[in-house]
C-alpha atoms as a PDB file:
ATOM      1  CA  MET A   1       3.711   4.616   6.791  1.00  0.00           C
ATOM      2  CA  ASN A   2       7.333   4.815   7.815  1.00  0.00           C
ATOM      3  CA  ARG A   3       9.554   1.924   8.773  1.00  0.00           C
ATOM      4  CA  GLN A   4       9.353   2.125  12.384  1.00  0.00           C
ATOM      5  CA  SER A   5       5.549   2.570  12.656  1.00  0.00           C
ATOM      6  CA  ARG A   6       5.345  -0.333  10.033  1.00  0.00           C
ATOM      7  CA  ASN A   7       7.548  -2.708  12.115  1.00  0.00           C
ATOM      8  CA  ASP A   8       5.881  -1.815  15.332  1.00  0.00           C
ATOM      9  CA  SER A   9       2.365  -2.490  14.071  1.00  0.00           C
ATOM     10  CA  SER A  10       0.830  -5.919  14.429  1.00  0.00           C
ATOM     11  CA  SER A  11       1.016  -8.033  11.279  1.00  0.00           C
ATOM     12  CA  GLN A  12      -2.844  -8.500  11.287  1.00  0.00           C
ATOM     13  CA  LYS A  13      -3.150  -4.677  10.308  1.00  0.00           C
ATOM     14  CA  ARG A  14      -0.190  -4.620   7.987  1.00  0.00           C
ATOM     15  CA  ARG A  15      -1.190  -4.731   4.202  1.00  0.00           C
ATOM     16  CA  VAL A  16       1.015  -6.256   1.506  1.00  0.00           C
ATOM     17  CA  SER A  17       0.654  -4.506  -1.789  1.00  0.00           C
ATOM     18  CA  ALA A  18       1.891  -5.198  -5.327  1.00  0.00           C
ATOM     19  CA  HIS A  19       2.019  -3.184  -8.568  1.00  0.00           C
ATOM     20  CA  LEU A  20      -0.840  -3.845 -10.972  1.00  0.00           C
ATOM     21  CA  ALA A  21      -0.194  -4.994 -14.764  1.00  0.00           C
ATOM     22  CA  ASP A  22      -0.544  -2.377 -17.434  1.00  0.00           C
ATOM     23  CA  ASP A  23      -4.019  -3.350 -18.444  1.00  0.00           C
ATOM     24  CA  LEU A  24      -5.251  -3.642 -14.869  1.00  0.00           C
ATOM     25  CA  LYS A  25      -3.788  -0.394 -14.063  1.00  0.00           C
ATOM     26  CA  THR A  26      -5.614   1.347 -16.911  1.00  0.00           C
ATOM     27  CA  ARG A  27      -8.965  -0.274 -16.215  1.00  0.00           C
ATOM     28  CA  TYR A  28      -8.702   0.507 -12.259  1.00  0.00           C
ATOM     29  CA  SER A  29      -6.911   4.032 -12.652  1.00  0.00           C
ATOM     30  CA  THR A  30      -4.521   2.770  -9.675  1.00  0.00           C
ATOM     31  CA  ARG A  31      -0.911   1.644  -9.520  1.00  0.00           C
ATOM     32  CA  ALA A  32      -1.062  -0.842  -6.585  1.00  0.00           C
ATOM     33  CA  VAL A  33      -3.504  -2.862  -4.464  1.00  0.00           C
ATOM     34  CA  PRO A  34      -3.201  -5.157  -1.411  1.00  0.00           C
ATOM     35  CA  ILE A  35      -2.585  -8.681  -2.316  1.00  0.00           C
ATOM     36  CA  ARG A  36      -5.100 -11.436  -1.374  1.00  0.00           C
ATOM     37  CA  LYS A  37      -5.155 -14.882  -1.237  1.00  0.00           C
ATOM     38  CA  GLY A  38      -6.340 -16.235  -4.985  1.00  0.00           C
ATOM     39  CA  ASP A  39      -4.903 -13.435  -6.918  1.00  0.00           C
ATOM     40  CA  SER A  40      -2.610 -14.165  -9.894  1.00  0.00           C
ATOM     41  CA  VAL A  41       0.621 -12.874  -9.724  1.00  0.00           C
ATOM     42  CA  ARG A  42       3.947 -12.911 -12.123  1.00  0.00           C
ATOM     43  CA  VAL A  43       7.167 -13.077 -10.418  1.00  0.00           C
ATOM     44  CA  LEU A  44       9.644 -10.697 -11.858  1.00  0.00           C
ATOM     45  CA  ARG A  45      12.907 -11.346 -10.263  1.00  0.00           C
ATOM     46  CA  GLY A  46      14.948 -14.328  -8.791  1.00  0.00           C
ATOM     47  CA  GLU A  47      15.234 -17.876  -9.767  1.00  0.00           C
ATOM     48  CA  PHE A  48      11.343 -17.987 -10.627  1.00  0.00           C
ATOM     49  CA  ALA A  49      11.346 -14.904 -12.668  1.00  0.00           C
ATOM     50  CA  GLY A  50       8.340 -15.337 -15.313  1.00  0.00           C
ATOM     51  CA  LEU A  51       6.493 -17.711 -13.337  1.00  0.00           C
ATOM     52  CA  GLU A  52       2.742 -16.970 -13.118  1.00  0.00           C
ATOM     53  CA  GLY A  53       0.446 -18.528 -10.390  1.00  0.00           C
ATOM     54  CA  LYS A  54      -1.968 -18.021  -7.756  1.00  0.00           C
ATOM     55  CA  VAL A  55      -1.080 -16.589  -4.330  1.00  0.00           C
ATOM     56  CA  ASP A  56      -1.403 -19.441  -1.702  1.00  0.00           C
ATOM     57  CA  THR A  57      -0.580 -17.527   1.551  1.00  0.00           C
ATOM     58  CA  ILE A  58       0.740 -13.989   2.541  1.00  0.00           C
ATOM     59  CA  ASP A  59       3.402 -13.717   5.137  1.00  0.00           C
ATOM     60  CA  ARG A  60       2.435 -10.093   6.479  1.00  0.00           C
ATOM     61  CA  THR A  61       5.461  -9.773   9.054  1.00  0.00           C
ATOM     62  CA  HIS A  62       7.994 -10.013   6.279  1.00  0.00           C
ATOM     63  CA  SER A  63       5.882  -8.937   3.323  1.00  0.00           C
ATOM     64  CA  ARG A  64       6.458 -12.153   1.411  1.00  0.00           C
ATOM     65  CA  VAL A  65       4.117 -14.057  -0.790  1.00  0.00           C
ATOM     66  CA  PHE A  66       3.823 -17.760  -1.343  1.00  0.00           C
ATOM     67  CA  VAL A  67       2.838 -18.670  -5.006  1.00  0.00           C
ATOM     68  CA  GLU A  68       1.595 -22.066  -6.241  1.00  0.00           C
ATOM     69  CA  GLY A  69       4.610 -23.639  -8.163  1.00  0.00           C
ATOM     70  CA  MET A  70       7.458 -21.992  -6.166  1.00  0.00           C
ATOM     71  CA  THR A  71       8.887 -25.082  -4.611  1.00  0.00           C
ATOM     72  CA  ARG A  72      12.295 -26.710  -4.211  1.00  0.00           C
ATOM     73  CA  GLU A  73      13.058 -30.337  -3.743  1.00  0.00           C
ATOM     74  CA  LYS A  74      15.086 -31.129  -0.385  1.00  0.00           C
ATOM     75  CA  THR A  75      18.160 -32.820  -0.938  1.00  0.00           C
ATOM     76  CA  ALA A  76      17.428 -35.542   1.453  1.00  0.00           C
ATOM     77  CA  GLY A  77      14.740 -36.801  -0.482  1.00  0.00           C
ATOM     78  CA  GLY A  78      11.945 -35.339   1.580  1.00  0.00           C
ATOM     79  CA  LYS A  79       8.854 -33.350   0.570  1.00  0.00           C
ATOM     80  CA  PRO A  80       9.402 -30.221  -1.306  1.00  0.00           C
ATOM     81  CA  SER A  81       9.777 -27.122   0.298  1.00  0.00           C
ATOM     82  CA  ARG A  82       7.533 -24.109  -0.326  1.00  0.00           C
ATOM     83  CA  LEU A  83       9.439 -20.634  -1.399  1.00  0.00           C
ATOM     84  CA  SER A  84       8.334 -17.123  -1.089  1.00  0.00           C
ATOM     85  CA  VAL A  85       9.072 -14.069  -2.705  1.00  0.00           C
ATOM     86  CA  HIS A  86       8.895 -10.450  -1.603  1.00  0.00           C
ATOM     87  CA  ALA A  87       5.861  -8.576  -2.580  1.00  0.00           C
ATOM     88  CA  SER A  88       7.682  -5.983  -4.383  1.00  0.00           C
ATOM     89  CA  LYS A  89       9.076  -8.406  -6.850  1.00  0.00           C
ATOM     90  CA  VAL A  90       5.704  -9.564  -8.234  1.00  0.00           C
ATOM     91  CA  ILE A  91       3.050  -7.961 -10.473  1.00  0.00           C
ATOM     92  CA  LEU A  92      -0.397  -8.769  -9.962  1.00  0.00           C
ATOM     93  CA  THR A  93      -2.053  -9.977 -13.320  1.00  0.00           C
ATOM     94  CA  ASN A  94      -5.363 -11.147 -12.269  1.00  0.00           C
ATOM     95  CA  LEU A  95      -7.240 -10.139  -9.329  1.00  0.00           C
ATOM     96  CA  ASN A  96      -9.601 -12.133  -7.067  1.00  0.00           C
ATOM     97  CA  LEU A  97     -13.041 -10.176  -7.151  1.00  0.00           C
ATOM     98  CA  SER A  98     -15.109 -12.732  -5.428  1.00  0.00           C
ATOM     99  CA  ASP A  99     -15.393 -10.038  -2.465  1.00  0.00           C
ATOM    100  CA  LYS A 100     -17.918  -7.495  -3.276  1.00  0.00           C
ATOM    101  CA  TRP A 101     -16.354  -5.028  -1.081  1.00  0.00           C
ATOM    102  CA  ARG A 102     -13.108  -5.179  -2.786  1.00  0.00           C
ATOM    103  CA  SER A 103     -14.771  -5.042  -6.373  1.00  0.00           C
ATOM    104  CA  SER A 104     -16.698  -2.006  -5.647  1.00  0.00           C
ATOM    105  CA  LEU A 105     -13.658  -0.172  -4.039  1.00  0.00           C
ATOM    106  CA  LEU A 106     -11.773  -0.683  -7.264  1.00  0.00           C
ATOM    107  CA  GLU A 107     -14.768   0.295  -9.620  1.00  0.00           C
ATOM    108  CA  ASP A 108     -15.275   3.645  -7.321  1.00  0.00           C
ATOM    109  CA  LYS A 109     -11.601   4.369  -7.751  1.00  0.00           C
ATOM    110  CA  ALA A 110     -11.961   4.083 -11.577  1.00  0.00           C
ATOM    111  CA  LYS A 111     -15.087   6.037 -11.609  1.00  0.00           C
ATOM    112  CA  THR A 112     -13.580   8.922  -9.628  1.00  0.00           C
ATOM    113  CA  ALA A 113     -10.495   8.954 -11.688  1.00  0.00           C
ATOM    114  CA  ARG A 114     -12.467   9.078 -15.025  1.00  0.00           C
ATOM    115  CA  ASP A 115     -14.813  11.915 -13.490  1.00  0.00           C
ATOM    116  CA  ARG A 116     -11.663  13.836 -12.448  1.00  0.00           C
ATOM    117  CA  ASP A 117     -10.152  13.395 -16.118  1.00  0.00           C
ATOM    118  CA  THR A 118     -13.344  14.708 -17.721  1.00  0.00           C
ATOM    119  CA  GLU A 119     -13.317  17.856 -15.430  1.00  0.00           C
ATOM    120  CA  GLU A 120      -9.595  18.516 -16.218  1.00  0.00           C
ATOM    121  CA  ALA A 121     -10.451  18.230 -20.125  1.00  0.00           C
ATOM    122  CA  ALA A 122     -13.282  20.449 -19.819  1.00  0.00           C
ATOM    123  CA  ALA A 123     -11.533  23.243 -17.952  1.00  0.00           C
END
């Protein structure tokens, strides 16, 4: 999807994806999946690099992810403000597979990749 069509599309349709950790990448035979609330991510860049936490909310219009534990104290002594990180700066470390559709989709992807590998090895 190019930049113009992505910006023209409604934010409800827009998917925010992130790369998978190495162990998940080999298990599901795919590089990236859309982020969902409840997924565990590790922040790669910025002030909170190395932080692991669950996804609170997703801002689809700006492709940003709010992670538990990413807050900043306000200087006036008010309540802490939540910070977001761009989806390209996180890695998915654990997936929320409570949705049967999502888990079956990932398993089907892995199965077709395994079948393709066995066909290539036999040829």
